[in-house]
PDB file of N, CA and C in Angstrom:
ATOM      1  N   UNK A   1     255.493  25.945-111.726  1.00  0.00           N
ATOM      2  CA  UNK A   1     256.142  25.276-110.092  1.00  0.00           C
ATOM      3  C   UNK A   1     254.064  25.582-109.812  1.00  0.00           C
ATOM      4  N   UNK A   2     253.265  24.639-109.898  1.00  0.00           N
ATOM      5  CA  UNK A   2     252.007  25.177-109.769  1.00  0.00           C
ATOM      6  C   UNK A   2     251.757  25.563-108.122  1.00  0.00           C
ATOM      7  N   UNK A   3     250.712  27.074-108.396  1.00  0.00           N
ATOM      8  CA  UNK A   3     250.776  27.405-106.357  1.00  0.00           C
ATOM      9  C   UNK A   3     249.704  25.978-106.045  1.00  0.00           C
ATOM     10  N   UNK A   4     250.286  27.254-104.545  1.00  0.00           N
ATOM     11  CA  UNK A   4     250.134  25.736-103.656  1.00  0.00           C
ATOM     12  C   UNK A   4     248.418  26.285-103.173  1.00  0.00           C
ATOM     13  N   UNK A   5     247.432  25.000-103.722  1.00  0.00           N
ATOM     14  CA  UNK A   5     245.991  24.953-102.302  1.00  0.00           C
ATOM     15  C   UNK A   5     245.976  25.640-101.480  1.00  0.00           C
ATOM     16  N   UNK A   6     244.884  26.292-101.797  1.00  0.00           N
ATOM     17  CA  UNK A   6     244.643  27.777-100.158  1.00  0.00           C
ATOM     18  C   UNK A   6     243.941  26.487 -99.079  1.00  0.00           C
ATOM     19  N   UNK A   7     243.587  25.389 -99.451  1.00  0.00           N
ATOM     20  CA  UNK A   7     243.399  24.564 -98.548  1.00  0.00           C
ATOM     21  C   UNK A   7     244.609  24.103 -98.458  1.00  0.00           C
ATOM     22  N   UNK A   8     245.773  23.157 -99.004  1.00  0.00           N
ATOM     23  CA  UNK A   8     246.653  23.507 -98.451  1.00  0.00           C
ATOM     24  C   UNK A   8     247.300  24.104 -97.575  1.00  0.00           C
ATOM     25  N   UNK A   9     247.320  25.549 -97.458  1.00  0.00           N
ATOM     26  CA  UNK A   9     248.192  26.278 -96.670  1.00  0.00           C
ATOM     27  C   UNK A   9     246.939  26.135 -95.820  1.00  0.00           C
ATOM     28  N   UNK A  10     246.209  26.328 -96.153  1.00  0.00           N
ATOM     29  CA  UNK A  10     245.565  26.129 -94.606  1.00  0.00           C
ATOM     30  C   UNK A  10     245.606  25.204 -93.744  1.00  0.00           C
ATOM     31  N   UNK A  11     245.913  23.618 -94.575  1.00  0.00           N
ATOM     32  CA  UNK A  11     246.236  22.500 -93.041  1.00  0.00           C
ATOM     33  C   UNK A  11     247.843  23.571 -92.732  1.00  0.00           C
ATOM     34  N   UNK A  12     248.909  23.600 -93.231  1.00  0.00           N
ATOM     35  CA  UNK A  12     250.191  23.919 -93.048  1.00  0.00           C
ATOM     36  C   UNK A  12     249.637  25.176 -91.755  1.00  0.00           C
ATOM     37  N   UNK A  13     249.023  26.161 -92.482  1.00  0.00           N
ATOM     38  CA  UNK A  13     248.754  27.522 -90.400  1.00  0.00           C
ATOM     39  C   UNK A  13     247.665  26.467 -89.631  1.00  0.00           C
ATOM     40  N   UNK A  14     247.156  25.597 -90.101  1.00  0.00           N
ATOM     41  CA  UNK A  14     246.202  24.748 -88.519  1.00  0.00           C
ATOM     42  C   UNK A  14     247.247  23.808 -88.142  1.00  0.00           C
ATOM     43  N   UNK A  15     248.270  23.492 -88.525  1.00  0.00           N
ATOM     44  CA  UNK A  15     249.550  22.571 -87.697  1.00  0.00           C
ATOM     45  C   UNK A  15     250.171  23.108 -87.017  1.00  0.00           C
ATOM     46  N   UNK A  16     251.346  24.852 -88.094  1.00  0.00           N
ATOM     47  CA  UNK A  16     251.554  25.207 -87.545  1.00  0.00           C
ATOM     48  C   UNK A  16     251.379  26.025 -86.140  1.00  0.00           C
ATOM     49  N   UNK A  17     249.689  26.427 -86.016  1.00  0.00           N
ATOM     50  CA  UNK A  17     249.414  27.341 -85.149  1.00  0.00           C
ATOM     51  C   UNK A  17     249.172  25.993 -83.704  1.00  0.00           C
ATOM     52  N   UNK A  18     248.590  24.955 -84.058  1.00  0.00           N
ATOM     53  CA  UNK A  18     248.903  23.912 -82.952  1.00  0.00           C
ATOM     54  C   UNK A  18     249.609  22.426 -82.888  1.00  0.00           C
ATOM     55  N   UNK A  19     250.610  23.167 -83.097  1.00  0.00           N
ATOM     56  CA  UNK A  19     251.838  21.631 -83.356  1.00  0.00           C
ATOM     57  C   UNK A  19     251.902  20.814 -82.162  1.00  0.00           C
ATOM     58  N   UNK A  20     252.273  21.316 -81.182  1.00  0.00           N
ATOM     59  CA  UNK A  20     252.706  21.316 -79.929  1.00  0.00           C
ATOM     60  C   UNK A  20     251.332  19.842 -79.744  1.00  0.00           C
ATOM     61  N   UNK A  21     249.334  20.274 -79.503  1.00  0.00           N
ATOM     62  CA  UNK A  21     248.966  19.552 -79.292  1.00  0.00           C
ATOM     63  C   UNK A  21     249.045  18.230 -80.120  1.00  0.00           C
ATOM     64  N   UNK A  22     249.468  18.688 -81.821  1.00  0.00           N
ATOM     65  CA  UNK A  22     249.435  17.831 -82.832  1.00  0.00           C
ATOM     66  C   UNK A  22     250.649  16.569 -82.318  1.00  0.00           C
ATOM     67  N   UNK A  23     251.207  17.466 -81.950  1.00  0.00           N
ATOM     68  CA  UNK A  23     252.531  16.015 -81.704  1.00  0.00           C
ATOM     69  C   UNK A  23     252.942  15.193 -80.148  1.00  0.00           C
ATOM     70  N   UNK A  24     251.530  15.943 -78.981  1.00  0.00           N
ATOM     71  CA  UNK A  24     251.717  14.870 -78.119  1.00  0.00           C
ATOM     72  C   UNK A  24     251.733  13.786 -78.717  1.00  0.00           C
ATOM     73  N   UNK A  25     251.479  12.458 -77.811  1.00  0.00           N
ATOM     74  CA  UNK A  25     250.914  10.708 -78.449  1.00  0.00           C
ATOM     75  C   UNK A  25     249.677  10.276 -77.850  1.00  0.00           C
ATOM     76  N   UNK A  26     248.922  11.045 -77.525  1.00  0.00           N
ATOM     77  CA  UNK A  26     247.778  10.995 -77.330  1.00  0.00           C
ATOM     78  C   UNK A  26     247.014  11.178 -78.449  1.00  0.00           C
ATOM     79  N   UNK A  27     247.783  11.657 -79.550  1.00  0.00           N
ATOM     80  CA  UNK A  27     246.949  12.320 -80.730  1.00  0.00           C
ATOM     81  C   UNK A  27     247.443  11.534 -81.767  1.00  0.00           C
ATOM     82  N   UNK A  28     246.663  10.247 -82.111  1.00  0.00           N
ATOM     83  CA  UNK A  28     246.693   9.669 -82.728  1.00  0.00           C
ATOM     84  C   UNK A  28     246.763   9.466 -84.123  1.00  0.00           C
ATOM     85  N   UNK A  29     246.907   8.120 -84.901  1.00  0.00           N
ATOM     86  CA  UNK A  29     247.134   8.093 -86.403  1.00  0.00           C
ATOM     87  C   UNK A  29     245.892   8.214 -86.782  1.00  0.00           C
ATOM     88  N   UNK A  30     244.469   7.531 -86.426  1.00  0.00           N
ATOM     89  CA  UNK A  30     243.079   8.335 -87.088  1.00  0.00           C
ATOM     90  C   UNK A  30     243.052   9.970 -87.410  1.00  0.00           C
ATOM     91  N   UNK A  31     243.314  10.576 -85.447  1.00  0.00           N
ATOM     92  CA  UNK A  31     243.457  12.172 -85.634  1.00  0.00           C
ATOM     93  C   UNK A  31     243.622  11.957 -87.279  1.00  0.00           C
ATOM     94  N   UNK A  32     245.080  11.734 -87.361  1.00  0.00           N
ATOM     95  CA  UNK A  32     246.114  12.680 -88.172  1.00  0.00           C
ATOM     96  C   UNK A  32     245.434  12.199 -89.953  1.00  0.00           C
ATOM     97  N   UNK A  33     244.822  11.248 -89.792  1.00  0.00           N
ATOM     98  CA  UNK A  33     244.382  10.799 -90.982  1.00  0.00           C
ATOM     99  C   UNK A  33     243.071  11.403 -91.546  1.00  0.00           C
ATOM    100  N   UNK A  34     242.542  11.909 -90.861  1.00  0.00           N
ATOM    101  CA  UNK A  34     240.505  11.921 -91.320  1.00  0.00           C
ATOM    102  C   UNK A  34     241.480  14.071 -90.789  1.00  0.00           C
ATOM    103  N   UNK A  35     241.463  14.609 -90.305  1.00  0.00           N
ATOM    104  CA  UNK A  35     242.351  15.832 -90.035  1.00  0.00           C
ATOM    105  C   UNK A  35     242.816  17.053 -90.792  1.00  0.00           C
ATOM    106  N   UNK A  36     244.461  15.255 -91.152  1.00  0.00           N
ATOM    107  CA  UNK A  36     245.579  16.479 -92.109  1.00  0.00           C
ATOM    108  C   UNK A  36     245.580  15.421 -93.877  1.00  0.00           C
ATOM    109  N   UNK A  37     245.259  14.783 -93.432  1.00  0.00           N
ATOM    110  CA  UNK A  37     246.260  13.798 -95.146  1.00  0.00           C
ATOM    111  C   UNK A  37     244.703  13.525 -95.808  1.00  0.00           C
ATOM    112  N   UNK A  38     243.619  13.218 -95.344  1.00  0.00           N
ATOM    113  CA  UNK A  38     242.039  13.000 -96.261  1.00  0.00           C
ATOM    114  C   UNK A  38     242.160  14.481 -96.943  1.00  0.00           C
ATOM    115  N   UNK A  39     241.963  15.631 -95.493  1.00  0.00           N
ATOM    116  CA  UNK A  39     241.752  17.129 -96.616  1.00  0.00           C
ATOM    117  C   UNK A  39     242.636  17.671 -97.825  1.00  0.00           C
ATOM    118  N   UNK A  40     244.849  16.915 -97.548  1.00  0.00           N
ATOM    119  CA  UNK A  40     245.772  17.127 -98.425  1.00  0.00           C
ATOM    120  C   UNK A  40     244.867  16.306 -99.266  1.00  0.00           C
ATOM    121  N   UNK A  41     245.296  15.668 -99.370  1.00  0.00           N
ATOM    122  CA  UNK A  41     244.666  14.056-100.539  1.00  0.00           C
ATOM    123  C   UNK A  41     243.421  14.543-101.318  1.00  0.00           C
ATOM    124  N   UNK A  42     242.573  15.248-100.885  1.00  0.00           N
ATOM    125  CA  UNK A  42     241.863  15.734-101.490  1.00  0.00           C
ATOM    126  C   UNK A  42     241.451  17.196-101.574  1.00  0.00           C
ATOM    127  N   UNK A  43     243.112  18.153-100.960  1.00  0.00           N
ATOM    128  CA  UNK A  43     242.610  19.395-101.752  1.00  0.00           C
ATOM    129  C   UNK A  43     244.193  19.009-102.991  1.00  0.00           C
ATOM    130  N   UNK A  44     244.497  17.984-103.766  1.00  0.00           N
ATOM    131  CA  UNK A  44     245.219  17.533-104.448  1.00  0.00           C
ATOM    132  C   UNK A  44     244.673  16.966-105.604  1.00  0.00           C
ATOM    133  N   UNK A  45     243.024  16.451-105.451  1.00  0.00           N
ATOM    134  CA  UNK A  45     242.467  15.493-106.529  1.00  0.00           C
ATOM    135  C   UNK A  45     242.404  14.299-105.928  1.00  0.00           C
ATOM    136  N   UNK A  46     242.336  14.082-104.992  1.00  0.00           N
ATOM    137  CA  UNK A  46     242.077  12.147-104.873  1.00  0.00           C
ATOM    138  C   UNK A  46     240.678  11.865-104.070  1.00  0.00           C
ATOM    139  N   UNK A  47     240.942  10.818-104.829  1.00  0.00           N
ATOM    140  CA  UNK A  47     239.200  11.052-104.748  1.00  0.00           C
ATOM    141  C   UNK A  47     239.298   9.519-103.538  1.00  0.00           C
ATOM    142  N   UNK A  48     239.298  10.551-102.043  1.00  0.00           N
ATOM    143  CA  UNK A  48     240.318   9.618-101.046  1.00  0.00           C
ATOM    144  C   UNK A  48     238.657   8.971-100.679  1.00  0.00           C
ATOM    145  N   UNK A  49     236.979   9.803-100.194  1.00  0.00           N
ATOM    146  CA  UNK A  49     236.135   8.644-100.326  1.00  0.00           C
ATOM    147  C   UNK A  49     235.592   7.712-101.216  1.00  0.00           C
ATOM    148  N   UNK A  50     235.962   7.622-102.573  1.00  0.00           N
ATOM    149  CA  UNK A  50     235.093   6.560-103.644  1.00  0.00           C
ATOM    150  C   UNK A  50     234.429   6.763-103.678  1.00  0.00           C
ATOM    151  N   UNK A  51     234.195   8.518-104.145  1.00  0.00           N
ATOM    152  CA  UNK A  51     232.823   9.423-104.543  1.00  0.00           C
ATOM    153  C   UNK A  51     232.443   8.151-105.497  1.00  0.00           C
ATOM    154  N   UNK A  52     233.980   8.275-106.431  1.00  0.00           N
ATOM    155  CA  UNK A  52     232.829   7.206-107.890  1.00  0.00           C
ATOM    156  C   UNK A  52     232.661   6.012-108.075  1.00  0.00           C
ATOM    157  N   UNK A  53     232.982   4.974-107.059  1.00  0.00           N
ATOM    158  CA  UNK A  53     232.169   3.887-106.301  1.00  0.00           C
ATOM    159  C   UNK A  53     232.884   2.994-107.259  1.00  0.00           C
ATOM    160  N   UNK A  54     234.691   3.277-107.224  1.00  0.00           N
ATOM    161  CA  UNK A  54     235.387   2.245-108.139  1.00  0.00           C
ATOM    162  C   UNK A  54     236.147   1.094-107.043  1.00  0.00           C
ATOM    163  N   UNK A  55     235.772  -0.167-108.090  1.00  0.00           N
ATOM    164  CA  UNK A  55     236.897  -1.056-107.497  1.00  0.00           C
ATOM    165  C   UNK A  55     237.339  -0.973-106.639  1.00  0.00           C
ATOM    166  N   UNK A  56     237.943  -1.683-105.610  1.00  0.00           N
ATOM    167  CA  UNK A  56     239.416  -2.497-104.688  1.00  0.00           C
ATOM    168  C   UNK A  56     240.672  -1.955-105.207  1.00  0.00           C
ATOM    169  N   UNK A  57     240.510  -2.749-106.900  1.00  0.00           N
ATOM    170  CA  UNK A  57     241.777  -1.915-107.601  1.00  0.00           C
ATOM    171  C   UNK A  57     241.741  -0.960-108.108  1.00  0.00           C
ATOM    172  N   UNK A  58     241.476  -0.316-107.763  1.00  0.00           N
ATOM    173  CA  UNK A  58     241.336   1.140-109.020  1.00  0.00           C
ATOM    174  C   UNK A  58     241.061   2.348-108.261  1.00  0.00           C
ATOM    175  N   UNK A  59     240.822   2.117-106.954  1.00  0.00           N
ATOM    176  CA  UNK A  59     240.304   3.267-105.914  1.00  0.00           C
ATOM    177  C   UNK A  59     242.030   3.720-105.652  1.00  0.00           C
ATOM    178  N   UNK A  60     241.438   5.858-105.402  1.00  0.00           N
ATOM    179  CA  UNK A  60     242.700   6.116-105.446  1.00  0.00           C
ATOM    180  C   UNK A  60     243.343   5.487-103.927  1.00  0.00           C
ATOM    181  N   UNK A  61     242.333   5.651-102.566  1.00  0.00           N
ATOM    182  CA  UNK A  61     242.697   5.558-101.420  1.00  0.00           C
ATOM    183  C   UNK A  61     242.144   4.406-101.445  1.00  0.00           C
ATOM    184  N   UNK A  62     243.057   3.783-100.857  1.00  0.00           N
ATOM    185  CA  UNK A  62     242.665   1.963 -99.628  1.00  0.00           C
ATOM    186  C   UNK A  62     242.542   2.420 -98.028  1.00  0.00           C
ATOM    187  N   UNK A  63     241.433   2.448 -97.527  1.00  0.00           N
ATOM    188  CA  UNK A  63     241.890   2.369 -96.259  1.00  0.00           C
ATOM    189  C   UNK A  63     242.042   1.345 -95.175  1.00  0.00           C
ATOM    190  N   UNK A  64     243.214   1.388 -94.787  1.00  0.00           N
ATOM    191  CA  UNK A  64     243.381   0.688 -93.136  1.00  0.00           C
ATOM    192  C   UNK A  64     243.013   0.192 -92.202  1.00  0.00           C
ATOM    193  N   UNK A  65     241.639  -0.358 -92.278  1.00  0.00           N
ATOM    194  CA  UNK A  65     240.990  -0.320 -90.563  1.00  0.00           C
ATOM    195  C   UNK A  65     242.336  -1.388 -89.967  1.00  0.00           C
ATOM    196  N   UNK A  66     242.545  -2.256 -89.855  1.00  0.00           N
ATOM    197  CA  UNK A  66     242.935  -3.351 -89.038  1.00  0.00           C
ATOM    198  C   UNK A  66     243.882  -4.790 -89.805  1.00  0.00           C
ATOM    199  N   UNK A  67     245.132  -4.997 -89.399  1.00  0.00           N
ATOM    200  CA  UNK A  67     245.081  -5.700 -89.906  1.00  0.00           C
ATOM    201  C   UNK A  67     246.116  -7.245 -89.735  1.00  0.00           C
ATOM    202  N   UNK A  68     246.016  -8.084 -90.348  1.00  0.00           N
ATOM    203  CA  UNK A  68     246.193  -8.954 -89.144  1.00  0.00           C
ATOM    204  C   UNK A  68     248.142  -9.849 -89.022  1.00  0.00           C
ATOM    205  N   UNK A  69     248.381  -9.803 -87.664  1.00  0.00           N
ATOM    206  CA  UNK A  69     250.384 -10.189 -87.539  1.00  0.00           C
ATOM    207  C   UNK A  69     250.123 -11.113 -86.331  1.00  0.00           C
ATOM    208  N   UNK A  70     250.476 -12.588 -86.734  1.00  0.00           N
ATOM    209  CA  UNK A  70     250.317 -13.102 -86.174  1.00  0.00           C
ATOM    210  C   UNK A  70     249.371 -14.492 -85.391  1.00  0.00           C
ATOM    211  N   UNK A  71     248.232 -13.964 -86.338  1.00  0.00           N
ATOM    212  CA  UNK A  71     247.087 -14.368 -86.599  1.00  0.00           C
ATOM    213  C   UNK A  71     245.741 -13.445 -85.056  1.00  0.00           C
ATOM    214  N   UNK A  72     246.461 -12.195 -84.447  1.00  0.00           N
ATOM    215  CA  UNK A  72     246.168 -11.351 -83.897  1.00  0.00           C
ATOM    216  C   UNK A  72     245.437 -10.207 -85.197  1.00  0.00           C
ATOM    217  N   UNK A  73     244.844  -9.724 -84.942  1.00  0.00           N
ATOM    218  CA  UNK A  73     244.457  -7.939 -85.650  1.00  0.00           C
ATOM    219  C   UNK A  73     244.508  -7.368 -84.722  1.00  0.00           C
ATOM    220  N   UNK A  74     245.511  -6.019 -85.565  1.00  0.00           N
ATOM    221  CA  UNK A  74     245.717  -4.889 -84.756  1.00  0.00           C
ATOM    222  C   UNK A  74     245.927  -3.753 -86.048  1.00  0.00           C
ATOM    223  N   UNK A  75     245.782  -2.699 -84.594  1.00  0.00           N
ATOM    224  CA  UNK A  75     245.673  -1.260 -85.950  1.00  0.00           C
ATOM    225  C   UNK A  75     246.665  -1.011 -86.645  1.00  0.00           C
ATOM    226  N   UNK A  76     247.622  -0.560 -87.849  1.00  0.00           N
ATOM    227  CA  UNK A  76     248.773  -0.295 -88.268  1.00  0.00           C
ATOM    228  C   UNK A  76     249.919   0.355 -87.123  1.00  0.00           C
ATOM    229  N   UNK A  77     249.098   1.288 -86.549  1.00  0.00           N
ATOM    230  CA  UNK A  77     250.036   1.681 -85.147  1.00  0.00           C
ATOM    231  C   UNK A  77     250.565   0.941 -85.054  1.00  0.00           C
ATOM    232  N   UNK A  78     250.081  -0.591 -84.543  1.00  0.00           N
ATOM    233  CA  UNK A  78     250.534  -1.719 -83.680  1.00  0.00           C
ATOM    234  C   UNK A  78     251.469  -1.727 -84.091  1.00  0.00           C
ATOM    235  N   UNK A  79     251.399  -2.845 -85.462  1.00  0.00           N
ATOM    236  CA  UNK A  79     252.205  -3.241 -86.701  1.00  0.00           C
ATOM    237  C   UNK A  79     253.290  -2.264 -86.599  1.00  0.00           C
ATOM    238  N   UNK A  80     253.265  -1.236 -86.390  1.00  0.00           N
ATOM    239  CA  UNK A  80     254.818   0.030 -86.334  1.00  0.00           C
ATOM    240  C   UNK A  80     256.030  -0.171 -85.229  1.00  0.00           C
ATOM    241  N   UNK A  81     254.417   0.096 -83.901  1.00  0.00           N
ATOM    242  CA  UNK A  81     255.905  -0.361 -82.888  1.00  0.00           C
ATOM    243  C   UNK A  81     255.665  -2.087 -82.908  1.00  0.00           C
ATOM    244  N   UNK A  82     255.155  -3.100 -83.467  1.00  0.00           N
ATOM    245  CA  UNK A  82     255.575  -4.344 -83.065  1.00  0.00           C
ATOM    246  C   UNK A  82     257.269  -4.256 -84.382  1.00  0.00           C
ATOM    247  N   UNK A  83     256.839  -3.659 -85.333  1.00  0.00           N
ATOM    248  CA  UNK A  83     257.881  -4.174 -86.364  1.00  0.00           C
ATOM    249  C   UNK A  83     259.647  -3.161 -85.713  1.00  0.00           C
ATOM    250  N   UNK A  84     259.234  -1.946 -84.754  1.00  0.00           N
ATOM    251  CA  UNK A  84     260.366  -1.591 -83.991  1.00  0.00           C
ATOM    252  C   UNK A  84     261.026  -1.975 -83.485  1.00  0.00           C
ATOM    253  N   UNK A  85     260.069  -3.003 -82.422  1.00  0.00           N
ATOM    254  CA  UNK A  85     260.260  -3.992 -81.378  1.00  0.00           C
ATOM    255  C   UNK A  85     261.929  -5.154 -82.347  1.00  0.00           C
ATOM    256  N   UNK A  86     261.002  -5.816 -83.659  1.00  0.00           N
ATOM    257  CA  UNK A  86     262.305  -7.230 -84.255  1.00  0.00           C
ATOM    258  C   UNK A  86     262.781  -6.194 -84.343  1.00  0.00           C
ATOM    259  N   UNK A  87     263.163  -4.954 -85.078  1.00  0.00           N
ATOM    260  CA  UNK A  87     264.178  -4.716 -86.040  1.00  0.00           C
ATOM    261  C   UNK A  87     265.019  -3.802 -84.178  1.00  0.00           C
ATOM    262  N   UNK A  88     264.525  -4.152 -82.916  1.00  0.00           N
ATOM    263  CA  UNK A  88     265.705  -3.901 -82.790  1.00  0.00           C
ATOM    264  C   UNK A  88     266.480  -4.673 -82.196  1.00  0.00           C
ATOM    265  N   UNK A  89     265.328  -6.477 -82.303  1.00  0.00           N
ATOM    266  CA  UNK A  89     266.487  -7.530 -81.891  1.00  0.00           C
ATOM    267  C   UNK A  89     266.864  -7.569 -82.890  1.00  0.00           C
ATOM    268  N   UNK A  90     267.223  -7.565 -84.173  1.00  0.00           N
ATOM    269  CA  UNK A  90     267.654  -8.392 -85.402  1.00  0.00           C
ATOM    270  C   UNK A  90     268.654  -7.331 -84.813  1.00  0.00           C
ATOM    271  N   UNK A  91     268.849  -6.088 -84.435  1.00  0.00           N
ATOM    272  CA  UNK A  91     270.216  -5.428 -84.986  1.00  0.00           C
ATOM    273  C   UNK A  91     271.247  -6.342 -83.220  1.00  0.00           C
ATOM    274  N   UNK A  92     270.574  -6.598 -82.537  1.00  0.00           N
ATOM    275  CA  UNK A  92     270.948  -6.888 -81.090  1.00  0.00           C
ATOM    276  C   UNK A  92     271.246  -8.564 -81.296  1.00  0.00           C
ATOM    277  N   UNK A  93     270.968  -9.320 -82.356  1.00  0.00           N
ATOM    278  CA  UNK A  93     271.204 -10.539 -82.614  1.00  0.00           C
ATOM    279  C   UNK A  93     272.383  -9.947 -83.104  1.00  0.00           C
ATOM    280  N   UNK A  94     272.844  -8.941 -84.309  1.00  0.00           N
ATOM    281  CA  UNK A  94     273.892  -8.945 -84.819  1.00  0.00           C
ATOM    282  C   UNK A  94     274.678  -9.002 -84.363  1.00  0.00           C
ATOM    283  N   UNK A  95     274.813  -8.038 -83.107  1.00  0.00           N
ATOM    284  CA  UNK A  95     275.806  -7.357 -82.349  1.00  0.00           C
ATOM    285  C   UNK A  95     276.202  -8.490 -81.920  1.00  0.00           C
ATOM    286  N   UNK A  96     275.210  -9.650 -81.352  1.00  0.00           N
ATOM    287  CA  UNK A  96     275.564 -10.430 -80.983  1.00  0.00           C
ATOM    288  C   UNK A  96     276.855 -11.786 -81.453  1.00  0.00           C
ATOM    289  N   UNK A  97     276.160 -11.920 -82.569  1.00  0.00           N
ATOM    290  CA  UNK A  97     276.715 -12.821 -83.427  1.00  0.00           C
ATOM    291  C   UNK A  97     277.800 -11.966 -83.250  1.00  0.00           C
ATOM    292  N   UNK A  98     278.597 -10.683 -84.173  1.00  0.00           N
ATOM    293  CA  UNK A  98     279.376 -10.466 -84.762  1.00  0.00           C
ATOM    294  C   UNK A  98     280.675 -10.265 -83.409  1.00  0.00           C
ATOM    295  N   UNK A  99     280.407 -10.259 -82.162  1.00  0.00           N
ATOM    296  CA  UNK A  99     280.869 -10.594 -81.396  1.00  0.00           C
ATOM    297  C   UNK A  99     281.100 -11.746 -80.817  1.00  0.00           C
ATOM    298  N   UNK A 100     280.480 -12.518 -80.931  1.00  0.00           N
ATOM    299  CA  UNK A 100     280.364 -14.117 -80.702  1.00  0.00           C
ATOM    300  C   UNK A 100     282.202 -14.340 -81.718  1.00  0.00           C
ATOM    301  N   UNK A 101     282.077 -14.603 -82.841  1.00  0.00           N
ATOM    302  CA  UNK A 101     282.895 -14.415 -84.308  1.00  0.00           C
ATOM    303  C   UNK A 101     283.894 -13.327 -83.995  1.00  0.00           C
ATOM    304  N   UNK A 102     283.843 -12.342 -83.257  1.00  0.00           N
ATOM    305  CA  UNK A 102     284.670 -11.674 -83.414  1.00  0.00           C
ATOM    306  C   UNK A 102     285.901 -10.764 -84.660  1.00  0.00           C
ATOM    307  N   UNK A 103     285.019 -10.306 -85.155  1.00  0.00           N
ATOM    308  CA  UNK A 103     284.107  -9.778 -86.520  1.00  0.00           C
ATOM    309  C   UNK A 103     285.160  -7.940 -86.809  1.00  0.00           C
ATOM    310  N   UNK A 104     286.028  -8.247 -87.189  1.00  0.00           N
ATOM    311  CA  UNK A 104     286.371  -6.665 -87.765  1.00  0.00           C
ATOM    312  C   UNK A 104     285.014  -5.420 -87.591  1.00  0.00           C
ATOM    313  N   UNK A 105     285.422  -4.796 -87.698  1.00  0.00           N
ATOM    314  CA  UNK A 105     284.713  -3.089 -88.548  1.00  0.00           C
ATOM    315  C   UNK A 105     284.328  -3.172 -89.749  1.00  0.00           C
ATOM    316  N   UNK A 106     285.932  -4.145 -90.565  1.00  0.00           N
ATOM    317  CA  UNK A 106     285.494  -3.573 -91.825  1.00  0.00           C
ATOM    318  C   UNK A 106     284.451  -5.251 -92.996  1.00  0.00           C
ATOM    319  N   UNK A 107     285.095  -6.949 -91.406  1.00  0.00           N
ATOM    320  CA  UNK A 107     284.431  -7.785 -92.191  1.00  0.00           C
ATOM    321  C   UNK A 107     282.453  -7.371 -91.464  1.00  0.00           C
ATOM    322  N   UNK A 108     282.089  -6.973 -90.463  1.00  0.00           N
ATOM    323  CA  UNK A 108     280.717  -5.960 -90.260  1.00  0.00           C
ATOM    324  C   UNK A 108     279.884  -5.411 -91.039  1.00  0.00           C
ATOM    325  N   UNK A 109     281.175  -4.778 -91.386  1.00  0.00           N
ATOM    326  CA  UNK A 109     280.584  -3.663 -93.149  1.00  0.00           C
ATOM    327  C   UNK A 109     280.141  -4.622 -93.953  1.00  0.00           C
ATOM    328  N   UNK A 110     281.247  -5.265 -94.184  1.00  0.00           N
ATOM    329  CA  UNK A 110     280.530  -6.302 -95.310  1.00  0.00           C
ATOM    330  C   UNK A 110     279.347  -7.797 -95.500  1.00  0.00           C
ATOM    331  N   UNK A 111     279.816  -7.734 -94.249  1.00  0.00           N
ATOM    332  CA  UNK A 111     278.210  -8.412 -94.187  1.00  0.00           C
ATOM    333  C   UNK A 111     277.372  -7.691 -94.021  1.00  0.00           C
ATOM    334  N   UNK A 112     276.597  -6.433 -93.601  1.00  0.00           N
ATOM    335  CA  UNK A 112     275.973  -5.454 -93.742  1.00  0.00           C
ATOM    336  C   UNK A 112     275.658  -5.340 -95.125  1.00  0.00           C
ATOM    337  N   UNK A 113     276.846  -5.217 -95.571  1.00  0.00           N
ATOM    338  CA  UNK A 113     276.413  -4.084 -97.198  1.00  0.00           C
ATOM    339  C   UNK A 113     275.673  -5.365 -97.612  1.00  0.00           C
ATOM    340  N   UNK A 114     276.188  -6.497 -97.346  1.00  0.00           N
ATOM    341  CA  UNK A 114     275.348  -8.571 -98.420  1.00  0.00           C
ATOM    342  C   UNK A 114     273.915  -8.711 -98.435  1.00  0.00           C
ATOM    343  N   UNK A 115     274.049  -7.999 -96.601  1.00  0.00           N
ATOM    344  CA  UNK A 115     272.306  -8.427 -96.497  1.00  0.00           C
ATOM    345  C   UNK A 115     271.635  -6.813 -96.517  1.00  0.00           C
ATOM    346  N   UNK A 116     272.010  -5.532 -96.808  1.00  0.00           N
ATOM    347  CA  UNK A 116     271.300  -5.039 -97.023  1.00  0.00           C
ATOM    348  C   UNK A 116     270.919  -4.472 -95.698  1.00  0.00           C
TER     349      UNK A 116
END
């Protein structure tokens, strides 16, 4: 096993020291990337800032500033929140369908295994 780069040890120590402030909901995704993820990837040898000037397909890291959802531009963190809402709604619909058709636990298990 390779030794841990000192930069990584420093990041872990800083996170441990300030854990509570980093767990605060006000500490956002962009801050995590800037203060921890980018430095971690750099310490591991990734060209985070594309200093080589590579074409998009060959970059080590592609920064995702925004995404399109239903015609609207959203931040990646918004996509996660929206996806959680969709997943919860899907589960609720599944439960209602199972109740409607009075499926047994075994039948539900078969359906869920088949649909992944």
